[in-house]
Amino acid sequence: MPEQPTFKQLQKLYIVCYTITNVMFQPIYIVRIDERTGNIFVLAGAEEEIELEITPTGELVDEPS
């Protein structure tokens, strides 16, 4: 069974998804948990140029490690 996101990750994910789709008007392609780090990974943007990670503490990392 895949790892479950933390409440703080879900809060940040909502803000990120809202901003990408309703403010920036960009598509979101992938949202998944990186099983190695526990971070939520988001791939978005018309050219798939937006890559974000959300740590289990809800912090946003704009360059995946």
PDB file of N, CA and C in Angstrom:
ATOM      1  N   MET A   1       0.844  -1.181   0.000  1.00  0.00           N
ATOM      2  CA  MET A   1       0.000   0.000   0.000  1.00  0.00           C
ATOM      3  C   MET A   1       0.890   1.246   0.000  1.00  0.00           C
ATOM      4  N   PRO A   2       0.591   2.230  -0.861  1.00  0.00           N
ATOM      5  CA  PRO A   2       1.425   3.428  -0.915  1.00  0.00           C
ATOM      6  C   PRO A   2       1.328   4.247   0.369  1.00  0.00           C
ATOM      7  N   GLU A   3       2.388   4.992   0.615  1.00  0.00           N
ATOM      8  CA  GLU A   3       2.432   5.863   1.773  1.00  0.00           C
ATOM      9  C   GLU A   3       1.340   6.927   1.675  1.00  0.00           C
ATOM     10  N   GLN A   4       0.788   7.310   2.815  1.00  0.00           N
ATOM     11  CA  GLN A   4      -0.272   8.317   2.853  1.00  0.00           C
ATOM     12  C   GLN A   4       0.329   9.694   3.113  1.00  0.00           C
ATOM     13  N   PRO A   5      -0.215  10.752   2.489  1.00  0.00           N
ATOM     14  CA  PRO A   5       0.288  12.105   2.737  1.00  0.00           C
ATOM     15  C   PRO A   5      -0.092  12.586   4.134  1.00  0.00           C
ATOM     16  N   THR A   6       0.706  13.495   4.664  1.00  0.00           N
ATOM     17  CA  THR A   6       0.389  14.095   5.966  1.00  0.00           C
ATOM     18  C   THR A   6      -0.669  15.178   5.773  1.00  0.00           C
ATOM     19  N   PHE A   7      -1.282  15.590   6.869  1.00  0.00           N
ATOM     20  CA  PHE A   7      -2.286  16.643   6.803  1.00  0.00           C
ATOM     21  C   PHE A   7      -1.665  17.939   6.277  1.00  0.00           C
ATOM     22  N   LYS A   8      -0.442  18.262   6.719  1.00  0.00           N
ATOM     23  CA  LYS A   8       0.229  19.481   6.250  1.00  0.00           C
ATOM     24  C   LYS A   8       0.533  19.408   4.756  1.00  0.00           C
ATOM     25  N   GLN A   9       0.894  18.225   4.256  1.00  0.00           N
ATOM     26  CA  GLN A   9       1.110  18.062   2.819  1.00  0.00           C
ATOM     27  C   GLN A   9      -0.177  18.299   2.048  1.00  0.00           C
ATOM     28  N   LEU A  10      -1.276  17.767   2.551  1.00  0.00           N
ATOM     29  CA  LEU A  10      -2.556  17.946   1.873  1.00  0.00           C
ATOM     30  C   LEU A  10      -2.989  19.410   1.849  1.00  0.00           C
ATOM     31  N   GLN A  11      -2.755  20.120   2.942  1.00  0.00           N
ATOM     32  CA  GLN A  11      -3.078  21.548   2.974  1.00  0.00           C
ATOM     33  C   GLN A  11      -2.279  22.301   1.915  1.00  0.00           C
ATOM     34  N   LYS A  12      -0.968  22.052   1.857  1.00  0.00           N
ATOM     35  CA  LYS A  12      -0.111  22.734   0.880  1.00  0.00           C
ATOM     36  C   LYS A  12      -0.453  22.300  -0.536  1.00  0.00           C
ATOM     37  N   LEU A  13      -0.776  21.028  -0.730  1.00  0.00           N
ATOM     38  CA  LEU A  13      -1.138  20.528  -2.050  1.00  0.00           C
ATOM     39  C   LEU A  13      -2.379  21.252  -2.576  1.00  0.00           C
ATOM     40  N   TYR A  14      -3.357  21.469  -1.726  1.00  0.00           N
ATOM     41  CA  TYR A  14      -4.559  22.192  -2.140  1.00  0.00           C
ATOM     42  C   TYR A  14      -4.196  23.594  -2.623  1.00  0.00           C
ATOM     43  N   ILE A  15      -3.368  24.300  -1.865  1.00  0.00           N
ATOM     44  CA  ILE A  15      -2.960  25.659  -2.240  1.00  0.00           C
ATOM     45  C   ILE A  15      -2.194  25.645  -3.560  1.00  0.00           C
ATOM     46  N   VAL A  16      -1.272  24.702  -3.705  1.00  0.00           N
ATOM     47  CA  VAL A  16      -0.469  24.593  -4.927  1.00  0.00           C
ATOM     48  C   VAL A  16      -1.360  24.299  -6.137  1.00  0.00           C
ATOM     49  N   CYS A  17      -2.240  23.316  -6.008  1.00  0.00           N
ATOM     50  CA  CYS A  17      -3.119  22.951  -7.132  1.00  0.00           C
ATOM     51  C   CYS A  17      -4.066  24.093  -7.487  1.00  0.00           C
ATOM     52  N   TYR A  18      -4.597  24.758  -6.494  1.00  0.00           N
ATOM     53  CA  TYR A  18      -5.480  25.899  -6.747  1.00  0.00           C
ATOM     54  C   TYR A  18      -4.732  26.991  -7.512  1.00  0.00           C
ATOM     55  N   THR A  19      -3.530  27.298  -7.054  1.00  0.00           N
ATOM     56  CA  THR A  19      -2.734  28.351  -7.693  1.00  0.00           C
ATOM     57  C   THR A  19      -2.383  27.987  -9.131  1.00  0.00           C
ATOM     58  N   ILE A  20      -1.943  26.754  -9.350  1.00  0.00           N
ATOM     59  CA  ILE A  20      -1.551  26.335 -10.701  1.00  0.00           C
ATOM     60  C   ILE A  20      -2.734  26.372 -11.661  1.00  0.00           C
ATOM     61  N   THR A  21      -3.900  25.888 -11.226  1.00  0.00           N
ATOM     62  CA  THR A  21      -5.036  25.790 -12.143  1.00  0.00           C
ATOM     63  C   THR A  21      -5.891  27.046 -12.219  1.00  0.00           C
ATOM     64  N   ASN A  22      -6.117  27.738 -11.098  1.00  0.00           N
ATOM     65  CA  ASN A  22      -7.049  28.866 -11.087  1.00  0.00           C
ATOM     66  C   ASN A  22      -6.393  30.240 -11.154  1.00  0.00           C
ATOM     67  N   VAL A  23      -5.112  30.320 -10.875  1.00  0.00           N
ATOM     68  CA  VAL A  23      -4.400  31.597 -10.961  1.00  0.00           C
ATOM     69  C   VAL A  23      -3.490  31.613 -12.188  1.00  0.00           C
ATOM     70  N   MET A  24      -2.719  30.538 -12.362  1.00  0.00           N
ATOM     71  CA  MET A  24      -1.773  30.456 -13.474  1.00  0.00           C
ATOM     72  C   MET A  24      -2.406  29.849 -14.729  1.00  0.00           C
ATOM     73  N   PHE A  25      -3.561  29.211 -14.595  1.00  0.00           N
ATOM     74  CA  PHE A  25      -4.273  28.552 -15.699  1.00  0.00           C
ATOM     75  C   PHE A  25      -3.387  27.550 -16.442  1.00  0.00           C
ATOM     76  N   GLN A  26      -2.701  26.704 -15.666  1.00  0.00           N
ATOM     77  CA  GLN A  26      -1.817  25.686 -16.220  1.00  0.00           C
ATOM     78  C   GLN A  26      -2.352  24.303 -15.869  1.00  0.00           C
ATOM     79  N   PRO A  27      -2.116  23.307 -16.722  1.00  0.00           N
ATOM     80  CA  PRO A  27      -2.543  21.939 -16.418  1.00  0.00           C
ATOM     81  C   PRO A  27      -1.611  21.267 -15.413  1.00  0.00           C
ATOM     82  N   ILE A  28      -2.159  20.306 -14.695  1.00  0.00           N
ATOM     83  CA  ILE A  28      -1.384  19.466 -13.781  1.00  0.00           C
ATOM     84  C   ILE A  28      -1.380  18.059 -14.363  1.00  0.00           C
ATOM     85  N   TYR A  29      -0.188  17.464 -14.488  1.00  0.00           N
ATOM     86  CA  TYR A  29      -0.059  16.153 -15.109  1.00  0.00           C
ATOM     87  C   TYR A  29       0.117  15.015 -14.115  1.00  0.00           C
ATOM     88  N   ILE A  30       0.938  15.231 -13.091  1.00  0.00           N
ATOM     89  CA  ILE A  30       1.236  14.155 -12.150  1.00  0.00           C
ATOM     90  C   ILE A  30       1.228  14.709 -10.732  1.00  0.00           C
ATOM     91  N   VAL A  31       0.593  13.964  -9.833  1.00  0.00           N
ATOM     92  CA  VAL A  31       0.682  14.214  -8.396  1.00  0.00           C
ATOM     93  C   VAL A  31       0.885  12.847  -7.758  1.00  0.00           C
ATOM     94  N   ARG A  32       2.038  12.666  -7.104  1.00  0.00           N
ATOM     95  CA  ARG A  32       2.307  11.360  -6.493  1.00  0.00           C
ATOM     96  C   ARG A  32       3.264  11.517  -5.326  1.00  0.00           C
ATOM     97  N   ILE A  33       3.316  10.502  -4.494  1.00  0.00           N
ATOM     98  CA  ILE A  33       4.248  10.501  -3.368  1.00  0.00           C
ATOM     99  C   ILE A  33       5.522   9.784  -3.783  1.00  0.00           C
ATOM    100  N   ASP A  34       6.656  10.436  -3.564  1.00  0.00           N
ATOM    101  CA  ASP A  34       7.956   9.811  -3.794  1.00  0.00           C
ATOM    102  C   ASP A  34       8.209   8.881  -2.607  1.00  0.00           C
ATOM    103  N   GLU A  35       8.213   7.597  -2.858  1.00  0.00           N
ATOM    104  CA  GLU A  35       8.346   6.616  -1.782  1.00  0.00           C
ATOM    105  C   GLU A  35       9.707   6.670  -1.097  1.00  0.00           C
ATOM    106  N   ARG A  36      10.712   7.239  -1.765  1.00  0.00           N
ATOM    107  CA  ARG A  36      12.048   7.343  -1.162  1.00  0.00           C
ATOM    108  C   ARG A  36      12.100   8.439  -0.115  1.00  0.00           C
ATOM    109  N   THR A  37      11.453   9.593  -0.392  1.00  0.00           N
ATOM    110  CA  THR A  37      11.557  10.759   0.487  1.00  0.00           C
ATOM    111  C   THR A  37      10.289  11.043   1.281  1.00  0.00           C
ATOM    112  N   GLY A  38       9.142  10.529   0.834  1.00  0.00           N
ATOM    113  CA  GLY A  38       7.870  10.853   1.462  1.00  0.00           C
ATOM    114  C   GLY A  38       7.300  12.171   0.969  1.00  0.00           C
ATOM    115  N   ASN A  39       8.002  12.821   0.027  1.00  0.00           N
ATOM    116  CA  ASN A  39       7.531  14.089  -0.530  1.00  0.00           C
ATOM    117  C   ASN A  39       6.453  13.854  -1.580  1.00  0.00           C
ATOM    118  N   ILE A  40       5.509  14.795  -1.685  1.00  0.00           N
ATOM    119  CA  ILE A  40       4.546  14.777  -2.778  1.00  0.00           C
ATOM    120  C   ILE A  40       5.201  15.493  -3.949  1.00  0.00           C
ATOM    121  N   PHE A  41       5.185  14.869  -5.111  1.00  0.00           N
ATOM    122  CA  PHE A  41       5.765  15.432  -6.325  1.00  0.00           C
ATOM    123  C   PHE A  41       4.636  15.902  -7.230  1.00  0.00           C
ATOM    124  N   VAL A  42       4.769  17.118  -7.785  1.00  0.00           N
ATOM    125  CA  VAL A  42       3.779  17.681  -8.699  1.00  0.00           C
ATOM    126  C   VAL A  42       4.491  18.082  -9.986  1.00  0.00           C
ATOM    127  N   LEU A  43       3.980  17.613 -11.125  1.00  0.00           N
ATOM    128  CA  LEU A  43       4.484  18.005 -12.441  1.00  0.00           C
ATOM    129  C   LEU A  43       3.349  18.729 -13.151  1.00  0.00           C
ATOM    130  N   ALA A  44       3.605  19.969 -13.557  1.00  0.00           N
ATOM    131  CA  ALA A  44       2.543  20.799 -14.138  1.00  0.00           C
ATOM    132  C   ALA A  44       3.116  21.739 -15.191  1.00  0.00           C
ATOM    133  N   GLY A  45       2.214  22.504 -15.834  1.00  0.00           N
ATOM    134  CA  GLY A  45       2.606  23.501 -16.820  1.00  0.00           C
ATOM    135  C   GLY A  45       2.406  22.982 -18.230  1.00  0.00           C
ATOM    136  N   ALA A  46       2.081  23.887 -19.128  1.00  0.00           N
ATOM    137  CA  ALA A  46       1.808  23.521 -20.522  1.00  0.00           C
ATOM    138  C   ALA A  46       2.975  22.757 -21.146  1.00  0.00           C
ATOM    139  N   GLU A  47       4.181  23.106 -20.782  1.00  0.00           N
ATOM    140  CA  GLU A  47       5.384  22.442 -21.297  1.00  0.00           C
ATOM    141  C   GLU A  47       5.994  21.508 -20.248  1.00  0.00           C
ATOM    142  N   GLU A  48       5.212  21.158 -19.223  1.00  0.00           N
ATOM    143  CA  GLU A  48       5.675  20.331 -18.106  1.00  0.00           C
ATOM    144  C   GLU A  48       6.911  20.934 -17.444  1.00  0.00           C
ATOM    145  N   GLU A  49       6.944  22.279 -17.345  1.00  0.00           N
ATOM    146  CA  GLU A  49       8.108  22.972 -16.813  1.00  0.00           C
ATOM    147  C   GLU A  49       8.010  23.266 -15.326  1.00  0.00           C
ATOM    148  N   ILE A  50       6.878  22.983 -14.694  1.00  0.00           N
ATOM    149  CA  ILE A  50       6.708  23.249 -13.267  1.00  0.00           C
ATOM    150  C   ILE A  50       6.877  21.933 -12.518  1.00  0.00           C
ATOM    151  N   GLU A  51       7.917  21.868 -11.689  1.00  0.00           N
ATOM    152  CA  GLU A  51       8.168  20.689 -10.862  1.00  0.00           C
ATOM    153  C   GLU A  51       8.276  21.150  -9.419  1.00  0.00           C
ATOM    154  N   LEU A  52       7.449  20.600  -8.572  1.00  0.00           N
ATOM    155  CA  LEU A  52       7.439  20.977  -7.163  1.00  0.00           C
ATOM    156  C   LEU A  52       7.434  19.733  -6.294  1.00  0.00           C
ATOM    157  N   GLU A  53       7.957  19.869  -5.078  1.00  0.00           N
ATOM    158  CA  GLU A  53       7.840  18.819  -4.081  1.00  0.00           C
ATOM    159  C   GLU A  53       7.348  19.446  -2.794  1.00  0.00           C
ATOM    160  N   ILE A  54       6.514  18.706  -2.083  1.00  0.00           N
ATOM    161  CA  ILE A  54       5.997  19.140  -0.794  1.00  0.00           C
ATOM    162  C   ILE A  54       6.474  18.122   0.245  1.00  0.00           C
ATOM    163  N   THR A  55       7.241  18.597   1.210  1.00  0.00           N
ATOM    164  CA  THR A  55       7.789  17.712   2.238  1.00  0.00           C
ATOM    165  C   THR A  55       6.687  17.274   3.205  1.00  0.00           C
ATOM    166  N   PRO A  56       6.936  16.244   3.995  1.00  0.00           N
ATOM    167  CA  PRO A  56       5.941  15.811   4.978  1.00  0.00           C
ATOM    168  C   PRO A  56       5.552  16.900   5.986  1.00  0.00           C
ATOM    169  N   THR A  57       6.416  17.911   6.171  1.00  0.00           N
ATOM    170  CA  THR A  57       6.085  19.015   7.078  1.00  0.00           C
ATOM    171  C   THR A  57       5.327  20.135   6.377  1.00  0.00           C
ATOM    172  N   GLY A  58       5.042  19.949   5.079  1.00  0.00           N
ATOM    173  CA  GLY A  58       4.261  20.944   4.336  1.00  0.00           C
ATOM    174  C   GLY A  58       5.093  22.030   3.686  1.00  0.00           C
ATOM    175  N   GLU A  59       6.408  21.894   3.730  1.00  0.00           N
ATOM    176  CA  GLU A  59       7.274  22.888   3.095  1.00  0.00           C
ATOM    177  C   GLU A  59       7.361  22.612   1.602  1.00  0.00           C
ATOM    178  N   LEU A  60       7.425  23.684   0.828  1.00  0.00           N
ATOM    179  CA  LEU A  60       7.498  23.587  -0.625  1.00  0.00           C
ATOM    180  C   LEU A  60       8.953  23.611  -1.060  1.00  0.00           C
ATOM    181  N   VAL A  61       9.327  22.613  -1.866  1.00  0.00           N
ATOM    182  CA  VAL A  61      10.666  22.533  -2.443  1.00  0.00           C
ATOM    183  C   VAL A  61      10.482  22.697  -3.940  1.00  0.00           C
ATOM    184  N   ASP A  62      11.074  23.728  -4.554  1.00  0.00           N
ATOM    185  CA  ASP A  62      10.827  23.965  -5.968  1.00  0.00           C
ATOM    186  C   ASP A  62      11.802  23.260  -6.894  1.00  0.00           C
ATOM    187  N   GLU A  63      12.827  22.630  -6.358  1.00  0.00           N
ATOM    188  CA  GLU A  63      13.746  21.834  -7.171  1.00  0.00           C
ATOM    189  C   GLU A  63      13.860  20.452  -6.561  1.00  0.00           C
ATOM    190  N   PRO A  64      13.307  19.433  -7.240  1.00  0.00           N
ATOM    191  CA  PRO A  64      13.393  18.077  -6.679  1.00  0.00           C
ATOM    192  C   PRO A  64      14.829  17.651  -6.462  1.00  0.00           C
ATOM    193  N   SER A  65      15.053  16.909  -5.377  1.00  0.00           N
ATOM    194  CA  SER A  65      16.404  16.438  -5.093  1.00  0.00           C
ATOM    195  C   SER A  65      16.687  15.130  -5.789  1.00  0.00           C
TER     196      SER A  65
END
